[in-house]
Protein backbone atom coordinates (compact mmCIF):
# COMPACT_ATOMS: atom_id res chain seq x y z
CA MET A 1 -15.16 -16.03 4.22
CA THR A 2 -11.52 -16.37 5.22
CA ALA A 3 -9.42 -13.25 5.61
CA TYR A 4 -6.85 -14.42 3.09
CA ARG A 5 -6.13 -16.59 0.11
CA ILE A 6 -3.07 -18.77 -0.30
CA LEU A 7 -0.81 -17.91 -3.23
CA THR A 8 0.23 -21.43 -4.14
CA ALA A 9 3.89 -21.66 -5.07
CA THR A 10 6.92 -23.44 -3.67
CA ALA A 11 8.89 -21.15 -1.38
CA ASN A 12 11.95 -19.41 -2.86
CA THR A 13 11.18 -20.53 -6.44
CA PRO A 14 11.02 -17.97 -9.29
CA GLU A 15 7.21 -18.34 -9.30
CA TRP A 16 7.04 -17.64 -5.55
CA LEU A 17 9.36 -14.64 -5.88
CA THR A 18 7.23 -13.27 -8.72
CA LEU A 19 4.06 -13.62 -6.62
CA ARG A 20 5.74 -11.67 -3.83
CA LYS A 21 6.03 -8.71 -6.20
CA SER A 22 2.23 -8.63 -6.51
CA ILE A 23 1.79 -7.75 -2.82
CA ILE A 24 3.47 -5.81 -0.04
CA GLY A 25 4.97 -8.42 2.28
CA ALA A 26 4.79 -8.14 6.06
CA SER A 27 8.53 -7.52 6.38
CA GLU A 28 8.37 -4.76 3.73
CA VAL A 29 5.77 -2.62 5.47
CA ALA A 30 8.21 -1.32 8.10
CA CYS A 31 10.49 -0.20 5.23
CA ILE A 32 7.61 1.78 3.71
CA LEU A 33 6.90 3.33 7.11
CA GLY A 34 10.56 4.33 7.49
CA LEU A 35 11.02 2.01 10.48
CA SER A 36 13.55 -0.43 9.04
CA HIS A 37 17.20 -0.18 8.04
CA TYR A 38 16.82 -3.04 5.57
CA SER A 39 15.23 -0.90 2.84
CA THR A 40 13.32 2.31 2.11
CA PRO A 41 10.03 3.21 0.38
CA LEU A 42 11.96 3.83 -2.85
CA GLY A 43 13.83 0.54 -2.43
CA ILE A 44 10.58 -1.41 -2.08
CA TYR A 45 9.06 0.48 -5.02
CA LEU A 46 12.00 -0.36 -7.29
CA ASP A 47 11.89 -4.01 -6.23
CA LYS A 48 8.18 -4.30 -7.06
CA LEU A 49 8.72 -2.90 -10.55
CA ASN A 50 11.89 -4.86 -11.23
CA PRO A 51 11.02 -7.92 -13.39
CA ASN A 52 14.11 -9.80 -12.19
CA VAL A 53 13.52 -12.20 -9.31
CA THR A 54 16.38 -12.97 -6.97
CA ASP A 55 16.44 -13.77 -3.28
CA ASP A 56 19.98 -14.59 -2.21
CA MET A 57 19.79 -15.62 1.43
CA THR A 58 22.63 -14.39 3.61
CA GLU A 59 24.42 -16.75 5.96
CA TRP A 60 22.78 -14.97 8.89
CA GLN A 61 19.31 -15.45 7.35
CA GLU A 62 20.04 -19.09 6.55
CA TRP A 63 20.98 -19.86 10.16
CA GLY A 64 17.93 -17.97 11.38
CA HIS A 65 15.79 -20.18 9.16
CA ARG A 66 17.53 -23.34 10.39
CA LEU A 67 16.89 -22.39 14.02
CA GLU A 68 13.16 -21.78 13.52
CA ASP A 69 12.22 -25.38 14.36
CA ALA A 70 14.12 -25.24 17.66
CA ILE A 71 12.52 -21.92 18.65
CA ALA A 72 9.04 -23.13 17.65
CA THR A 73 9.52 -26.28 19.73
CA TRP A 74 10.51 -24.16 22.74
CA VAL A 75 7.35 -22.06 22.34
CA ALA A 76 5.17 -25.17 22.19
CA ASP A 77 6.88 -26.75 25.22
CA LYS A 78 7.16 -23.68 27.44
CA LYS A 79 4.23 -21.45 26.45
CA GLY A 80 1.52 -24.04 25.92
CA LEU A 81 0.67 -22.98 22.37
CA THR A 82 -0.24 -25.42 19.64
CA VAL A 83 2.23 -24.48 16.93
CA LEU A 84 1.42 -25.37 13.32
CA PRO A 85 3.49 -25.00 10.13
CA SER A 86 3.28 -21.85 8.06
CA PRO A 87 0.29 -21.83 5.69
CA GLY A 88 2.55 -20.31 3.03
CA LEU A 89 2.43 -17.06 1.07
CA LEU A 90 -0.86 -15.34 1.89
CA GLN A 91 -2.75 -12.42 0.38
CA SER A 92 -5.37 -10.47 2.32
CA THR A 93 -8.83 -10.61 0.74
CA GLU A 94 -9.94 -7.37 2.38
CA TYR A 95 -6.69 -5.48 1.70
CA PRO A 96 -5.36 -7.27 -1.41
CA TRP A 97 -2.18 -5.21 -1.61
CA LEU A 98 -1.05 -6.73 1.71
CA GLY A 99 0.49 -10.18 2.11
CA ALA A 100 2.43 -12.24 4.61
CA THR A 101 4.33 -15.47 5.09
CA PRO A 102 4.15 -16.17 8.84
CA ASP A 103 6.89 -18.44 10.19
CA ARG A 104 4.30 -20.46 12.10
CA VAL A 105 0.65 -20.15 13.20
CA THR A 106 -1.25 -21.38 16.23
CA ASP A 107 -4.29 -23.64 16.10
CA LEU A 108 -6.37 -20.43 16.49
CA GLY A 109 -4.86 -18.96 13.32
CA GLU A 110 -2.60 -16.48 15.12
CA PRO A 111 0.84 -15.68 13.68
CA LEU A 112 4.04 -16.73 15.44
CA GLU A 113 7.15 -14.92 14.22
CA LEU A 114 10.54 -16.50 15.03
CA LYS A 115 13.74 -14.44 15.26
CA THR A 116 17.37 -14.82 16.24
CA SER A 117 19.72 -12.15 17.55
CA ASP A 118 23.31 -11.88 18.74
CA ARG A 119 25.30 -9.61 21.03
CA PHE A 120 25.65 -7.00 18.29
CA MET A 121 21.85 -6.63 18.19
CA ALA A 122 21.34 -6.52 21.96
CA ASP A 123 20.60 -2.77 22.03
CA ALA A 124 17.82 -3.17 19.46
CA TRP A 125 15.89 -5.39 21.90
CA ALA A 126 16.54 -3.32 25.04
CA ASP A 127 13.03 -1.83 25.01
CA GLY A 128 11.23 -4.91 23.73
CA VAL A 129 10.39 -5.95 20.19
CA PRO A 130 12.04 -3.63 17.60
CA ASP A 131 9.54 -1.56 15.61
CA ASN A 132 10.20 -3.30 12.29
CA TYR A 133 9.45 -6.74 13.78
CA LEU A 134 6.42 -5.39 15.64
CA ILE A 135 4.98 -4.01 12.39
CA GLN A 136 5.68 -7.35 10.69
CA VAL A 137 3.53 -9.20 13.23
CA PHE A 138 0.74 -6.60 12.96
CA VAL A 139 0.62 -7.10 9.18
CA GLN A 140 0.49 -10.87 9.70
CA MET A 141 -2.46 -10.37 12.06
CA ILE A 142 -4.23 -8.18 9.47
CA VAL A 143 -3.74 -10.77 6.73
CA LEU A 144 -4.71 -13.76 8.92
CA GLY A 145 -7.67 -11.95 10.49
CA ALA A 146 -6.23 -12.58 13.97
CA ARG A 147 -6.53 -10.30 17.00
CA ARG A 148 -3.31 -11.45 18.63
CA GLY A 149 0.16 -12.45 17.49
CA TYR A 150 3.32 -13.82 19.04
CA LEU A 151 7.04 -13.36 18.59
CA ALA A 152 9.83 -15.50 19.99
CA VAL A 153 13.49 -14.53 19.73
CA LEU A 154 16.60 -16.52 20.57
CA HIS A 155 19.42 -14.27 21.78
CA GLY A 156 22.98 -15.54 21.42
CA GLY A 157 21.89 -19.10 20.82
CA ASN A 158 20.81 -19.77 24.42
CA ARG A 159 18.53 -17.03 25.77
CA PRO A 160 14.95 -17.10 24.46
CA GLU A 161 12.33 -14.41 24.94
CA PHE A 162 8.62 -14.55 24.18
CA TYR A 163 6.26 -11.67 23.41
CA VAL A 164 2.48 -11.47 23.09
CA ILE A 165 1.40 -8.73 20.67
CA GLU A 166 -2.16 -7.52 21.06
CA TRP A 167 -4.25 -5.86 18.36
CA ASP A 168 -3.93 -2.06 18.26
CA GLN A 169 -6.55 -0.49 16.01
CA GLN A 170 -4.68 2.82 15.67
CA VAL A 171 -1.52 1.08 14.46
CA VAL A 172 -3.54 -1.13 12.13
CA ASP A 173 -5.39 1.84 10.61
CA GLN A 174 -2.09 3.61 9.92
CA ILE A 175 -0.59 0.51 8.29
CA ILE A 176 -3.61 0.05 6.04
CA SER A 177 -3.81 3.73 5.06
CA ILE A 178 -0.11 4.23 4.32
CA THR A 179 0.39 0.95 2.44
CA LYS A 180 -2.76 1.49 0.37
CA ASP A 181 -1.53 4.93 -0.64
CA PHE A 182 1.92 3.51 -1.46
CA TRP A 183 0.48 0.69 -3.56
CA GLN A 184 -2.02 2.79 -5.50
CA ASN A 185 -0.17 6.09 -5.89
CA ASN A 186 3.38 4.77 -6.22
CA VAL A 187 3.55 1.15 -7.38
CA MET A 188 0.41 0.98 -9.55
CA ALA A 189 0.87 4.55 -10.81
CA LYS A 190 4.58 3.87 -11.42
CA THR A 191 5.45 7.05 -9.57
CA PRO A 192 8.54 6.69 -7.37
CA PRO A 193 8.28 7.89 -3.77
CA GLU A 194 10.60 10.61 -2.59
CA PRO A 195 14.16 9.50 -1.77
CA THR A 196 15.03 9.12 1.91
CA THR A 197 18.82 8.59 1.68
CA SER A 198 21.67 10.39 -0.05
CA GLU A 199 22.33 7.32 -2.20
CA GLU A 200 18.76 7.45 -3.50
CA LEU A 201 18.97 11.08 -4.58
CA ALA A 202 20.90 10.08 -7.72
CA LEU A 203 18.19 7.55 -8.64
CA THR A 204 15.48 10.21 -8.73
CA HIS A 205 17.52 13.22 -9.91
CA ARG A 206 15.65 14.70 -12.87
CA ASP A 207 18.54 16.80 -14.23
CA SER A 208 16.31 19.68 -15.36
CA GLY A 209 19.27 21.80 -16.43
CA GLU A 210 17.81 24.78 -14.56
CA THR A 211 19.78 26.88 -12.06
CA LEU A 212 19.05 27.52 -8.39
CA ASP A 213 20.47 30.96 -7.60
CA GLY A 214 21.27 30.81 -3.89
CA ASP A 215 21.98 33.48 -1.32
CA GLU A 216 25.06 34.37 0.74
CA ARG A 217 24.82 31.06 2.62
CA LEU A 218 25.52 29.15 -0.58
CA LEU A 219 28.50 31.39 -1.38
CA MET A 220 29.94 30.85 2.10
CA ALA A 221 29.44 27.07 1.87
CA TRP A 222 31.15 27.05 -1.54
CA TYR A 223 34.11 29.00 -0.15
CA LEU A 224 34.48 26.79 2.95
CA ASP A 225 34.12 23.66 0.82
CA GLY A 226 37.00 24.88 -1.33
CA GLN A 227 39.14 25.46 1.77
CA GLU A 228 38.43 21.95 3.05
CA ARG A 229 39.10 20.37 -0.34
CA SER A 230 42.43 22.18 -0.54
CA ALA A 231 43.33 20.83 2.89
CA TYR A 232 42.42 17.31 1.77
CA LYS A 233 44.55 17.66 -1.35
CA GLU A 234 47.50 18.82 0.70
CA ALA A 235 47.06 15.91 3.12
CA ASP A 236 46.82 13.45 0.22
CA ALA A 237 50.00 14.91 -1.30
CA ARG A 238 51.86 14.44 2.00
CA ILE A 239 50.61 10.86 2.29
CA GLU A 240 51.71 10.09 -1.27
CA SER A 241 55.13 11.59 -0.52
CA VAL A 242 55.53 9.31 2.51
CA LYS A 243 54.43 6.30 0.49
CA ALA A 244 56.97 7.14 -2.22
CA ALA A 245 59.75 7.23 0.38
CA TYR A 246 58.78 3.87 1.87
CA LYS A 247 58.48 2.30 -1.57
CA GLU A 248 61.95 3.49 -2.47
CA LEU A 249 63.35 2.14 0.81
CA LEU A 250 61.76 -1.27 0.23
CA ASN A 251 62.87 -1.32 -3.38
CA VAL A 252 66.54 -0.52 -2.77
CA THR A 253 66.71 -3.03 0.10
CA ASN A 254 64.81 -5.68 -1.91
CA LYS A 255 62.21 -6.14 0.85
CA SER A 256 58.42 -6.28 0.88
CA VAL A 257 57.61 -5.45 4.51
CA LEU A 258 58.61 -2.60 6.80
CA ALA A 259 58.48 -3.61 10.46
CA TYR A 260 59.46 -2.55 13.95
CA GLN A 261 60.65 -5.28 16.33
CA GLY A 262 59.02 -7.89 14.15
CA LYS A 263 55.67 -6.11 13.92
CA ALA A 264 54.67 -5.22 10.36
CA LEU A 265 54.07 -1.51 9.77
CA TYR A 266 53.85 -1.31 5.98
CA THR A 267 53.78 -3.80 3.12
CA TRP A 268 54.41 -3.41 -0.60
CA LYS A 269 53.44 -6.56 -2.44
CA ARG A 270 51.95 -7.47 -5.79
CA PRO A 271 48.46 -8.92 -5.50
CA LYS A 272 47.47 -11.96 -7.51
CA PRO A 273 47.08 -11.19 -11.23
CA THR A 274 43.58 -10.39 -12.42
CA THR A 275 41.88 -11.30 -15.67
CA SER A 276 39.84 -8.96 -17.86
CA PHE A 277 37.82 -9.22 -21.03
CA ASP A 278 39.67 -7.80 -24.06
CA MET A 279 36.83 -5.77 -25.52
CA ALA A 280 39.02 -4.12 -28.18
CA LEU A 281 40.12 -7.48 -29.59
CA PHE A 282 36.60 -8.93 -29.42
CA LYS A 283 35.20 -5.86 -31.17
CA ALA A 284 37.79 -6.16 -33.94
CA GLU A 285 37.10 -9.87 -34.51
CA HIS A 286 33.33 -10.00 -33.84
CA PRO A 287 31.82 -6.54 -34.55
CA ALA A 288 28.32 -7.94 -35.20
CA LEU A 289 28.22 -9.66 -31.82
CA VAL A 290 29.37 -6.51 -30.08
CA ASP A 291 26.42 -4.57 -31.52
CA MET A 292 24.02 -7.39 -30.67
CA TYR A 293 25.01 -7.58 -27.02
CA THR A 294 25.79 -3.94 -26.29
CA ARG A 295 23.30 -2.12 -24.08
CA GLU A 296 23.23 1.56 -23.17
CA HIS A 297 22.80 2.32 -19.48
CA PRO A 298 21.89 5.73 -18.05
CA ALA A 299 24.86 7.37 -16.39
CA ALA A 300 24.74 8.43 -12.77
CA PRO A 301 24.70 12.21 -12.34
CA ARG A 302 28.07 13.70 -11.34
CA PHE A 303 28.32 16.35 -8.67
CA LEU A 304 31.16 18.83 -9.28
CA ARG A 305 32.39 21.88 -7.44
CA LYS A 306 33.02 24.59 -10.03
CA ASP A 307 36.07 26.80 -9.57
CA THR A 308 34.82 30.23 -10.56
CA LYS A 309 37.81 32.37 -11.53
CA ALA A 310 36.24 35.70 -10.57
CA LEU A 311 35.29 34.47 -7.12
CA ASN A 312 38.66 32.81 -6.58
CA GLU A 313 40.37 36.10 -7.33
CA GLU A 314 37.94 38.01 -5.11
CA PHE A 315 38.59 35.75 -2.13
CA ALA A 316 42.31 35.26 -2.72
CA THR A 317 43.14 37.67 0.09
CA ASP A 318 39.91 38.12 2.04
CA PRO A 319 37.19 35.51 2.70
CA PRO A 320 33.50 36.31 2.13
CA GLU A 321 31.73 38.65 4.52
CA GLY A 322 30.51 36.79 7.58
CA TRP A 323 33.40 34.32 7.65
CA GLU A 324 34.91 33.55 11.03
CA ALA A 325 37.56 31.12 12.23
CA GLY A 326 36.24 27.64 12.88
CA LEU A 327 33.17 28.02 10.65
CA THR A 328 32.49 24.83 8.68
CA VAL A 329 30.40 23.86 5.66
CA SER A 330 28.13 21.85 7.97
CA ASP A 331 27.48 24.94 10.09
CA VAL A 332 26.27 26.84 7.06
CA LEU A 333 24.24 24.02 5.46
CA SER A 334 22.44 23.25 8.72
CA ASP A 335 20.54 26.51 8.21
CA TYR A 336 18.77 25.13 5.13
CA GLY A 337 15.32 23.85 6.07
CA GLU A 338 15.12 21.87 2.81
CA LEU A 339 18.00 19.55 3.76
CA THR A 340 15.98 16.96 5.69
CA ILE A 341 17.82 13.86 4.41
CA TRP A 342 21.23 15.42 4.95
CA LYS A 343 20.37 16.51 8.50
CA LYS A 344 19.05 13.06 9.39
CA GLU A 345 22.22 11.39 8.14
CA GLN A 346 24.45 13.94 9.87
CA LYS A 347 22.64 13.29 13.15
CA ALA A 348 22.98 9.51 12.73
CA HIS A 349 26.67 9.92 11.96
CA ASN A 350 27.25 12.14 15.00
CA ASP A 351 25.29 9.79 17.28
C-alpha cells in the first residue's frame, strides 16, 4: 500500500484550497511547532475553520514559483538526480491529518523542495537550512514514505546550494505527536490553541468581567505608566505646536513646501480626494436593503488605563513606596512569570 493518496484537484482552484483545509500542509507544521514567522498555531487553527478560501500569491512567491523549473534543472544537471514533476496535493494514509505538495520528487519517490532567497534572508541560511524549511521537508518525507529528502535554494539569483536531509526518527516522532494533538484537540474539537502573540490575545480574550486584584507591582506599573503617558502627551502637544507654526508660515506665504537650500524639510499639501459610501442617504432611501445587508460583528476588546482619583491625589506629591529614579514599567512587569508572550516580544524587539 502506498504511503499517501492524491487529493485530485487543480492547483490553486477553490476546490484545491478547500481540500487543503482538510489536512495540515507541510509548510504549516513549522507554524504549529512555533518555528515559523509566517503564522502561529492559532493562525493555522483559524484558517482551517474559516470556510472562505483565498490564496493570494505575493510577488515574491510568484517569482519563487517561476524559478522552480530553473532550480530543478540545475539539480538534475549537477547532482545526478532524476527529477520528476510534483505528484500534486497528497494526504498521508498512515497519518491522515498530514498532507504535502512537494515541489518535485525523484524517481525514488523522495521529495525535492525548491527555494529562493535574497540578501535580506542571508542570515537565515547562515547555519544551513532554516528550521521551518527543514520541518517542511520532513513532513514531505513522512507523507511520501521516503527516508531521504532534498532541498535546493537559489541565493540572489545566481548562487545555488543543495542539501540532503536524512530521516531523523526523533524529529519525525515529535512532528507526528504534536500535529496529531493539534488536529484532534484543537481543529476537530474546535478549541483554539493558546495565543502566542500580543495581536492574538484580543482574538481569544474571554471578557469574563471578573477582577484580578494585583499586588504592589501592579500599582507601581500603573503609576509609571501614567508618568510615561503624561510625557507622551506633552511631547505630542509640543509637536502639534510646531506643526501649527509651520502651517501658519506656509499659509501666509502661500507655499506648500518648507526647504533649506533646496532640500525639502516639511510639506503641507492636500492629498487626492477620496470617495466614501453615503450610508445615511442610502439608509433613508433604501431602509429595507440596509436591514438585509447589515451584519453585526463582534467588537475588539479595548484596553484602557483608568485614572483613579484617590490614587492620583495620593501620589500627587509622593510616588508609591519603592519608586526610584529611572525605574520603568518594563522593569516592573518583567517580574511577572505569567507574561511569557510579552517577554518574548520584548526580547525580540531588544535584539
